[in-house]
Amino acid sequence: MLTNQEFIAGIGNAYSDEICWCAGIYPFRRRASLDAAEMERLYRCIGAVLGKAIETLRTRVGNSIDVEVRDSWRCTAKPVSPVLAAAARSAR
């Protein structure tokens, strides 16, 4: 439902994943299976995620609208292995 452009224009897969992560809802759940509390969480998270994205983009990329900044998103965050973390520290 979130990626349906007739429902909400401009939300693609990345934003819908982050919204679902925020709401604690599996992204492939059908809308009909959501109860009232889940719909309320989803609605609140739409505003929260998009508000944070706007703030982050204004701060970090300014007028460079072609730059994607997603390193602060929780749904895409991946743990760094101790080996990679040590290598990054030693490279500084």
PDB file of N, CA and C in Angstrom:
ATOM      1  N   MET A   1       0.817  -1.184   0.000  1.00  0.00           N
ATOM      2  CA  MET A   1       0.000   0.000   0.000  1.00  0.00           C
ATOM      3  C   MET A   1       0.868   1.258   0.000  1.00  0.00           C
ATOM      4  N   LEU A   2       2.010   1.211   0.701  1.00  0.00           N
ATOM      5  CA  LEU A   2       2.846   2.412   0.776  1.00  0.00           C
ATOM      6  C   LEU A   2       3.506   2.775  -0.543  1.00  0.00           C
ATOM      7  N   THR A   3       3.764   1.793  -1.384  1.00  0.00           N
ATOM      8  CA  THR A   3       4.413   2.092  -2.663  1.00  0.00           C
ATOM      9  C   THR A   3       3.400   2.311  -3.779  1.00  0.00           C
ATOM     10  N   ASN A   4       2.116   2.238  -3.483  1.00  0.00           N
ATOM     11  CA  ASN A   4       1.065   2.517  -4.459  1.00  0.00           C
ATOM     12  C   ASN A   4       0.988   4.031  -4.640  1.00  0.00           C
ATOM     13  N   GLN A   5       1.382   4.526  -5.791  1.00  0.00           N
ATOM     14  CA  GLN A   5       1.453   5.958  -6.038  1.00  0.00           C
ATOM     15  C   GLN A   5       0.078   6.631  -6.018  1.00  0.00           C
ATOM     16  N   GLU A   6      -1.002   5.848  -6.149  1.00  0.00           N
ATOM     17  CA  GLU A   6      -2.339   6.425  -6.044  1.00  0.00           C
ATOM     18  C   GLU A   6      -2.715   6.650  -4.576  1.00  0.00           C
ATOM     19  N   PHE A   7      -2.062   5.937  -3.658  1.00  0.00           N
ATOM     20  CA  PHE A   7      -2.333   6.081  -2.232  1.00  0.00           C
ATOM     21  C   PHE A   7      -1.485   7.201  -1.643  1.00  0.00           C
ATOM     22  N   ILE A   8      -0.166   7.097  -1.789  1.00  0.00           N
ATOM     23  CA  ILE A   8       0.781   8.133  -1.341  1.00  0.00           C
ATOM     24  C   ILE A   8       1.851   8.256  -2.422  1.00  0.00           C
ATOM     25  N   ALA A   9       1.927   9.414  -3.059  1.00  0.00           N
ATOM     26  CA  ALA A   9       2.906   9.603  -4.127  1.00  0.00           C
ATOM     27  C   ALA A   9       4.296   9.832  -3.551  1.00  0.00           C
ATOM     28  N   GLY A  10       5.293   9.231  -4.180  1.00  0.00           N
ATOM     29  CA  GLY A  10       6.681   9.514  -3.859  1.00  0.00           C
ATOM     30  C   GLY A  10       7.342   8.590  -2.859  1.00  0.00           C
ATOM     31  N   ILE A  11       6.620   7.642  -2.299  1.00  0.00           N
ATOM     32  CA  ILE A  11       7.241   6.703  -1.363  1.00  0.00           C
ATOM     33  C   ILE A  11       7.599   5.448  -2.131  1.00  0.00           C
ATOM     34  N   GLY A  12       8.892   5.202  -2.234  1.00  0.00           N
ATOM     35  CA  GLY A  12       9.362   4.007  -2.927  1.00  0.00           C
ATOM     36  C   GLY A  12       9.696   2.905  -1.940  1.00  0.00           C
ATOM     37  N   ASN A  13      10.395   1.907  -2.431  1.00  0.00           N
ATOM     38  CA  ASN A  13      10.725   0.743  -1.604  1.00  0.00           C
ATOM     39  C   ASN A  13      11.553   1.091  -0.375  1.00  0.00           C
ATOM     40  N   ALA A  14      12.543   1.935  -0.518  1.00  0.00           N
ATOM     41  CA  ALA A  14      13.433   2.249   0.608  1.00  0.00           C
ATOM     42  C   ALA A  14      12.668   2.955   1.725  1.00  0.00           C
ATOM     43  N   TYR A  15      11.888   3.969   1.373  1.00  0.00           N
ATOM     44  CA  TYR A  15      11.114   4.662   2.401  1.00  0.00           C
ATOM     45  C   TYR A  15      10.046   3.757   3.008  1.00  0.00           C
ATOM     46  N   SER A  16       9.390   2.952   2.197  1.00  0.00           N
ATOM     47  CA  SER A  16       8.353   2.069   2.749  1.00  0.00           C
ATOM     48  C   SER A  16       8.971   1.038   3.689  1.00  0.00           C
ATOM     49  N   ASP A  17      10.160   0.537   3.369  1.00  0.00           N
ATOM     50  CA  ASP A  17      10.842  -0.392   4.277  1.00  0.00           C
ATOM     51  C   ASP A  17      11.155   0.268   5.612  1.00  0.00           C
ATOM     52  N   GLU A  18      11.644   1.502   5.566  1.00  0.00           N
ATOM     53  CA  GLU A  18      11.985   2.205   6.803  1.00  0.00           C
ATOM     54  C   GLU A  18      10.728   2.510   7.623  1.00  0.00           C
ATOM     55  N   ILE A  19       9.639   2.865   6.965  1.00  0.00           N
ATOM     56  CA  ILE A  19       8.376   3.123   7.658  1.00  0.00           C
ATOM     57  C   ILE A  19       7.873   1.851   8.328  1.00  0.00           C
ATOM     58  N   CYS A  20       7.916   0.740   7.611  1.00  0.00           N
ATOM     59  CA  CYS A  20       7.480  -0.535   8.191  1.00  0.00           C
ATOM     60  C   CYS A  20       8.380  -0.948   9.346  1.00  0.00           C
ATOM     61  N   TRP A  21       9.692  -0.726   9.211  1.00  0.00           N
ATOM     62  CA  TRP A  21      10.630  -1.047  10.290  1.00  0.00           C
ATOM     63  C   TRP A  21      10.262  -0.234  11.535  1.00  0.00           C
ATOM     64  N   CYS A  22      10.020   1.042  11.352  1.00  0.00           N
ATOM     65  CA  CYS A  22       9.640   1.924  12.453  1.00  0.00           C
ATOM     66  C   CYS A  22       8.361   1.422  13.133  1.00  0.00           C
ATOM     67  N   ALA A  23       7.402   0.974  12.347  1.00  0.00           N
ATOM     68  CA  ALA A  23       6.107   0.523  12.876  1.00  0.00           C
ATOM     69  C   ALA A  23       6.139  -0.908  13.387  1.00  0.00           C
ATOM     70  N   GLY A  24       7.222  -1.627  13.097  1.00  0.00           N
ATOM     71  CA  GLY A  24       7.308  -3.027  13.516  1.00  0.00           C
ATOM     72  C   GLY A  24       6.391  -3.930  12.717  1.00  0.00           C
ATOM     73  N   ILE A  25       6.215  -3.602  11.451  1.00  0.00           N
ATOM     74  CA  ILE A  25       5.309  -4.356  10.573  1.00  0.00           C
ATOM     75  C   ILE A  25       6.108  -4.954   9.416  1.00  0.00           C
ATOM     76  N   TYR A  26       5.920  -6.243   9.183  1.00  0.00           N
ATOM     77  CA  TYR A  26       6.577  -6.922   8.069  1.00  0.00           C
ATOM     78  C   TYR A  26       6.144  -6.247   6.761  1.00  0.00           C
ATOM     79  N   PRO A  27       7.086  -5.848   5.909  1.00  0.00           N
ATOM     80  CA  PRO A  27       6.755  -5.066   4.717  1.00  0.00           C
ATOM     81  C   PRO A  27       5.815  -5.736   3.713  1.00  0.00           C
ATOM     82  N   PHE A  28       5.716  -7.043   3.731  1.00  0.00           N
ATOM     83  CA  PHE A  28       4.870  -7.717   2.738  1.00  0.00           C
ATOM     84  C   PHE A  28       3.503  -8.109   3.291  1.00  0.00           C
ATOM     85  N   ARG A  29       3.157  -7.608   4.490  1.00  0.00           N
ATOM     86  CA  ARG A  29       1.817  -7.855   5.030  1.00  0.00           C
ATOM     87  C   ARG A  29       0.793  -7.134   4.183  1.00  0.00           C
ATOM     88  N   ARG A  30      -0.349  -7.758   4.022  1.00  0.00           N
ATOM     89  CA  ARG A  30      -1.436  -7.122   3.288  1.00  0.00           C
ATOM     90  C   ARG A  30      -2.134  -6.128   4.199  1.00  0.00           C
ATOM     91  N   ARG A  31      -2.580  -5.051   3.658  1.00  0.00           N
ATOM     92  CA  ARG A  31      -3.239  -4.003   4.425  1.00  0.00           C
ATOM     93  C   ARG A  31      -4.431  -4.574   5.198  1.00  0.00           C
ATOM     94  N   ALA A  32      -5.189  -5.473   4.608  1.00  0.00           N
ATOM     95  CA  ALA A  32      -6.379  -6.028   5.248  1.00  0.00           C
ATOM     96  C   ALA A  32      -6.051  -6.814   6.521  1.00  0.00           C
ATOM     97  N   SER A  33      -4.792  -7.233   6.670  1.00  0.00           N
ATOM     98  CA  SER A  33      -4.418  -8.017   7.852  1.00  0.00           C
ATOM     99  C   SER A  33      -3.987  -7.140   9.032  1.00  0.00           C
ATOM    100  N   LEU A  34      -3.904  -5.830   8.840  1.00  0.00           N
ATOM    101  CA  LEU A  34      -3.459  -4.928   9.900  1.00  0.00           C
ATOM    102  C   LEU A  34      -4.634  -4.530  10.791  1.00  0.00           C
ATOM    103  N   ASP A  35      -4.412  -4.567  12.101  1.00  0.00           N
ATOM    104  CA  ASP A  35      -5.466  -4.120  13.011  1.00  0.00           C
ATOM    105  C   ASP A  35      -5.353  -2.604  13.213  1.00  0.00           C
ATOM    106  N   ALA A  36      -6.268  -2.036  13.992  1.00  0.00           N
ATOM    107  CA  ALA A  36      -6.318  -0.585  14.181  1.00  0.00           C
ATOM    108  C   ALA A  36      -5.033  -0.046  14.810  1.00  0.00           C
ATOM    109  N   ALA A  37      -4.479  -0.762  15.785  1.00  0.00           N
ATOM    110  CA  ALA A  37      -3.242  -0.300  16.436  1.00  0.00           C
ATOM    111  C   ALA A  37      -2.079  -0.300  15.455  1.00  0.00           C
ATOM    112  N   GLU A  38      -1.993  -1.308  14.610  1.00  0.00           N
ATOM    113  CA  GLU A  38      -0.914  -1.363  13.609  1.00  0.00           C
ATOM    114  C   GLU A  38      -1.073  -0.252  12.587  1.00  0.00           C
ATOM    115  N   MET A  39      -2.293   0.039  12.180  1.00  0.00           N
ATOM    116  CA  MET A  39      -2.520   1.133  11.231  1.00  0.00           C
ATOM    117  C   MET A  39      -2.131   2.474  11.858  1.00  0.00           C
ATOM    118  N   GLU A  40      -2.428   2.656  13.138  1.00  0.00           N
ATOM    119  CA  GLU A  40      -2.057   3.883  13.834  1.00  0.00           C
ATOM    120  C   GLU A  40      -0.536   4.026  13.893  1.00  0.00           C
ATOM    121  N   ARG A  41       0.169   2.929  14.229  1.00  0.00           N
ATOM    122  CA  ARG A  41       1.644   2.966  14.257  1.00  0.00           C
ATOM    123  C   ARG A  41       2.190   3.280  12.871  1.00  0.00           C
ATOM    124  N   LEU A  42       1.619   2.666  11.859  1.00  0.00           N
ATOM    125  CA  LEU A  42       2.065   2.904  10.487  1.00  0.00           C
ATOM    126  C   LEU A  42       1.878   4.372  10.119  1.00  0.00           C
ATOM    127  N   TYR A  43       0.725   4.913  10.444  1.00  0.00           N
ATOM    128  CA  TYR A  43       0.435   6.313  10.146  1.00  0.00           C
ATOM    129  C   TYR A  43       1.428   7.242  10.859  1.00  0.00           C
ATOM    130  N   ARG A  44       1.679   6.994  12.152  1.00  0.00           N
ATOM    131  CA  ARG A  44       2.635   7.820  12.903  1.00  0.00           C
ATOM    132  C   ARG A  44       4.038   7.711  12.315  1.00  0.00           C
ATOM    133  N   CYS A  45       4.421   6.513  11.897  1.00  0.00           N
ATOM    134  CA  CYS A  45       5.772   6.301  11.369  1.00  0.00           C
ATOM    135  C   CYS A  45       5.961   6.930  10.002  1.00  0.00           C
ATOM    136  N   ILE A  46       4.900   7.060   9.227  1.00  0.00           N
ATOM    137  CA  ILE A  46       5.029   7.761   7.942  1.00  0.00           C
ATOM    138  C   ILE A  46       5.527   9.177   8.200  1.00  0.00           C
ATOM    139  N   GLY A  47       4.872   9.881   9.101  1.00  0.00           N
ATOM    140  CA  GLY A  47       5.286  11.247   9.426  1.00  0.00           C
ATOM    141  C   GLY A  47       6.661  11.311  10.051  1.00  0.00           C
ATOM    142  N   ALA A  48       6.941  10.380  10.963  1.00  0.00           N
ATOM    143  CA  ALA A  48       8.236  10.387  11.654  1.00  0.00           C
ATOM    144  C   ALA A  48       9.387  10.129  10.689  1.00  0.00           C
ATOM    145  N   VAL A  49       9.248   9.115   9.853  1.00  0.00           N
ATOM    146  CA  VAL A  49      10.330   8.751   8.921  1.00  0.00           C
ATOM    147  C   VAL A  49      10.529   9.838   7.875  1.00  0.00           C
ATOM    148  N   LEU A  50       9.450  10.336   7.294  1.00  0.00           N
ATOM    149  CA  LEU A  50       9.600  11.364   6.265  1.00  0.00           C
ATOM    150  C   LEU A  50      10.104  12.674   6.869  1.00  0.00           C
ATOM    151  N   GLY A  51       9.660  13.004   8.072  1.00  0.00           N
ATOM    152  CA  GLY A  51      10.160  14.206   8.742  1.00  0.00           C
ATOM    153  C   GLY A  51      11.659  14.123   9.011  1.00  0.00           C
ATOM    154  N   LYS A  52      12.100  12.968   9.498  1.00  0.00           N
ATOM    155  CA  LYS A  52      13.535  12.774   9.753  1.00  0.00           C
ATOM    156  C   LYS A  52      14.322  12.823   8.446  1.00  0.00           C
ATOM    157  N   ALA A  53      13.772  12.232   7.391  1.00  0.00           N
ATOM    158  CA  ALA A  53      14.460  12.231   6.097  1.00  0.00           C
ATOM    159  C   ALA A  53      14.619  13.651   5.562  1.00  0.00           C
ATOM    160  N   ILE A  54      13.575  14.448   5.678  1.00  0.00           N
ATOM    161  CA  ILE A  54      13.641  15.828   5.199  1.00  0.00           C
ATOM    162  C   ILE A  54      14.699  16.608   5.978  1.00  0.00           C
ATOM    163  N   GLU A  55      14.680  16.461   7.289  1.00  0.00           N
ATOM    164  CA  GLU A  55      15.663  17.150   8.130  1.00  0.00           C
ATOM    165  C   GLU A  55      17.090  16.721   7.793  1.00  0.00           C
ATOM    166  N   THR A  56      17.291  15.413   7.666  1.00  0.00           N
ATOM    167  CA  THR A  56      18.624  14.890   7.344  1.00  0.00           C
ATOM    168  C   THR A  56      19.091  15.376   5.986  1.00  0.00           C
ATOM    169  N   LEU A  57      18.227  15.318   4.996  1.00  0.00           N
ATOM    170  CA  LEU A  57      18.618  15.741   3.644  1.00  0.00           C
ATOM    171  C   LEU A  57      18.910  17.232   3.587  1.00  0.00           C
ATOM    172  N   ARG A  58      18.114  18.033   4.255  1.00  0.00           N
ATOM    173  CA  ARG A  58      18.385  19.479   4.270  1.00  0.00           C
ATOM    174  C   ARG A  58      19.742  19.782   4.887  1.00  0.00           C
ATOM    175  N   THR A  59      20.073  19.061   5.940  1.00  0.00           N
ATOM    176  CA  THR A  59      21.332  19.288   6.651  1.00  0.00           C
ATOM    177  C   THR A  59      22.532  18.763   5.877  1.00  0.00           C
ATOM    178  N   ARG A  60      22.398  17.565   5.320  1.00  0.00           N
ATOM    179  CA  ARG A  60      23.569  16.890   4.766  1.00  0.00           C
ATOM    180  C   ARG A  60      23.789  17.067   3.278  1.00  0.00           C
ATOM    181  N   VAL A  61      22.744  17.313   2.491  1.00  0.00           N
ATOM    182  CA  VAL A  61      22.966  17.421   1.046  1.00  0.00           C
ATOM    183  C   VAL A  61      22.542  18.758   0.469  1.00  0.00           C
ATOM    184  N   GLY A  62      21.776  19.531   1.196  1.00  0.00           N
ATOM    185  CA  GLY A  62      21.383  20.844   0.694  1.00  0.00           C
ATOM    186  C   GLY A  62      20.647  20.775  -0.618  1.00  0.00           C
ATOM    187  N   ASN A  63      21.191  21.451  -1.625  1.00  0.00           N
ATOM    188  CA  ASN A  63      20.543  21.503  -2.935  1.00  0.00           C
ATOM    189  C   ASN A  63      20.947  20.372  -3.870  1.00  0.00           C
ATOM    190  N   SER A  64      21.803  19.484  -3.417  1.00  0.00           N
ATOM    191  CA  SER A  64      22.248  18.361  -4.254  1.00  0.00           C
ATOM    192  C   SER A  64      21.200  17.243  -4.199  1.00  0.00           C
ATOM    193  N   ILE A  65      20.103  17.414  -4.926  1.00  0.00           N
ATOM    194  CA  ILE A  65      18.974  16.490  -4.807  1.00  0.00           C
ATOM    195  C   ILE A  65      19.262  15.103  -5.365  1.00  0.00           C
ATOM    196  N   ASP A  66      20.363  14.945  -6.078  1.00  0.00           N
ATOM    197  CA  ASP A  66      20.700  13.638  -6.630  1.00  0.00           C
ATOM    198  C   ASP A  66      21.449  12.751  -5.636  1.00  0.00           C
ATOM    199  N   VAL A  67      21.823  13.287  -4.476  1.00  0.00           N
ATOM    200  CA  VAL A  67      22.583  12.539  -3.476  1.00  0.00           C
ATOM    201  C   VAL A  67      21.622  11.786  -2.570  1.00  0.00           C
ATOM    202  N   GLU A  68      21.860  10.489  -2.411  1.00  0.00           N
ATOM    203  CA  GLU A  68      21.045   9.675  -1.516  1.00  0.00           C
ATOM    204  C   GLU A  68      21.790   9.475  -0.207  1.00  0.00           C
ATOM    205  N   VAL A  69      21.129   9.771   0.891  1.00  0.00           N
ATOM    206  CA  VAL A  69      21.706   9.593   2.212  1.00  0.00           C
ATOM    207  C   VAL A  69      20.803   8.623   2.966  1.00  0.00           C
ATOM    208  N   ARG A  70      21.303   7.413   3.185  1.00  0.00           N
ATOM    209  CA  ARG A  70      20.502   6.409   3.876  1.00  0.00           C
ATOM    210  C   ARG A  70      21.283   5.710   4.977  1.00  0.00           C
ATOM    211  N   ASP A  71      22.426   6.244   5.333  1.00  0.00           N
ATOM    212  CA  ASP A  71      23.254   5.560   6.325  1.00  0.00           C
ATOM    213  C   ASP A  71      22.692   5.634   7.741  1.00  0.00           C
ATOM    214  N   SER A  72      21.714   6.488   7.985  1.00  0.00           N
ATOM    215  CA  SER A  72      21.122   6.581   9.319  1.00  0.00           C
ATOM    216  C   SER A  72      19.857   5.739   9.450  1.00  0.00           C
ATOM    217  N   TRP A  73      19.442   5.093   8.382  1.00  0.00           N
ATOM    218  CA  TRP A  73      18.205   4.315   8.416  1.00  0.00           C
ATOM    219  C   TRP A  73      18.409   3.016   9.170  1.00  0.00           C
ATOM    220  N   ARG A  74      17.450   2.663   9.987  1.00  0.00           N
ATOM    221  CA  ARG A  74      17.558   1.447  10.789  1.00  0.00           C
ATOM    222  C   ARG A  74      17.345   0.186   9.963  1.00  0.00           C
ATOM    223  N   CYS A  75      16.499   0.237   8.953  1.00  0.00           N
ATOM    224  CA  CYS A  75      16.219  -0.989   8.196  1.00  0.00           C
ATOM    225  C   CYS A  75      17.387  -1.395   7.312  1.00  0.00           C
ATOM    226  N   THR A  76      18.288  -0.472   7.004  1.00  0.00           N
ATOM    227  CA  THR A  76      19.428  -0.802   6.151  1.00  0.00           C
ATOM    228  C   THR A  76      20.728  -0.913   6.924  1.00  0.00           C
ATOM    229  N   ALA A  77      20.666  -0.631   8.215  1.00  0.00           N
ATOM    230  CA  ALA A  77      21.886  -0.695   9.029  1.00  0.00           C
ATOM    231  C   ALA A  77      22.338  -2.141   9.170  1.00  0.00           C
ATOM    232  N   LYS A  78      23.597  -2.352   8.929  1.00  0.00           N
ATOM    233  CA  LYS A  78      24.162  -3.696   9.030  1.00  0.00           C
ATOM    234  C   LYS A  78      25.288  -3.659  10.051  1.00  0.00           C
ATOM    235  N   PRO A  79      25.361  -4.658  10.883  1.00  0.00           N
ATOM    236  CA  PRO A  79      26.476  -4.666  11.846  1.00  0.00           C
ATOM    237  C   PRO A  79      27.806  -4.805  11.124  1.00  0.00           C
ATOM    238  N   VAL A  80      28.789  -4.110  11.626  1.00  0.00           N
ATOM    239  CA  VAL A  80      30.124  -4.171  11.047  1.00  0.00           C
ATOM    240  C   VAL A  80      30.903  -5.267  11.758  1.00  0.00           C
ATOM    241  N   SER A  81      31.568  -6.108  10.980  1.00  0.00           N
ATOM    242  CA  SER A  81      32.343  -7.180  11.599  1.00  0.00           C
ATOM    243  C   SER A  81      33.517  -6.579  12.357  1.00  0.00           C
ATOM    244  N   PRO A  82      33.959  -7.221  13.430  1.00  0.00           N
ATOM    245  CA  PRO A  82      35.113  -6.711  14.197  1.00  0.00           C
ATOM    246  C   PRO A  82      36.357  -6.558  13.337  1.00  0.00           C
ATOM    247  N   VAL A  83      36.534  -7.430  12.359  1.00  0.00           N
ATOM    248  CA  VAL A  83      37.717  -7.370  11.482  1.00  0.00           C
ATOM    249  C   VAL A  83      37.664  -6.098  10.629  1.00  0.00           C
ATOM    250  N   LEU A  84      36.485  -5.803  10.040  1.00  0.00           N
ATOM    251  CA  LEU A  84      36.345  -4.597   9.217  1.00  0.00           C
ATOM    252  C   LEU A  84      36.470  -3.340  10.066  1.00  0.00           C
ATOM    253  N   ALA A  85      35.905  -3.369  11.275  1.00  0.00           N
ATOM    254  CA  ALA A  85      35.997  -2.205  12.165  1.00  0.00           C
ATOM    255  C   ALA A  85      37.451  -1.924  12.515  1.00  0.00           C
ATOM    256  N   ALA A  86      38.228  -2.963  12.823  1.00  0.00           N
ATOM    257  CA  ALA A  86      39.644  -2.790  13.160  1.00  0.00           C
ATOM    258  C   ALA A  86      40.412  -2.266  11.951  1.00  0.00           C
ATOM    259  N   ALA A  87      40.118  -2.783  10.774  1.00  0.00           N
ATOM    260  CA  ALA A  87      40.796  -2.322   9.558  1.00  0.00           C
ATOM    261  C   ALA A  87      40.485  -0.856   9.291  1.00  0.00           C
ATOM    262  N   ALA A  88      39.241  -0.432   9.523  1.00  0.00           N
ATOM    263  CA  ALA A  88      38.869   0.965   9.305  1.00  0.00           C
ATOM    264  C   ALA A  88      39.594   1.878  10.298  1.00  0.00           C
ATOM    265  N   ARG A  89      39.680   1.431  11.535  1.00  0.00           N
ATOM    266  CA  ARG A  89      40.394   2.239  12.554  1.00  0.00           C
ATOM    267  C   ARG A  89      41.871   2.381  12.215  1.00  0.00           C
ATOM    268  N   SER A  90      42.494   1.299  11.764  1.00  0.00           N
ATOM    269  CA  SER A  90      43.935   1.346  11.465  1.00  0.00           C
ATOM    270  C   SER A  90      44.224   2.150  10.196  1.00  0.00           C
ATOM    271  N   ALA A  91      43.226   2.293   9.321  1.00  0.00           N
ATOM    272  CA  ALA A  91      43.421   3.050   8.076  1.00  0.00           C
ATOM    273  C   ALA A  91      43.370   4.556   8.307  1.00  0.00           C
ATOM    274  N   ARG A  92      42.873   4.973   9.466  1.00  0.00           N
ATOM    275  CA  ARG A  92      42.747   6.423   9.750  1.00  0.00           C
ATOM    276  C   ARG A  92      44.055   7.078  10.022  1.00  0.00           C
TER     277      ARG A  92
END
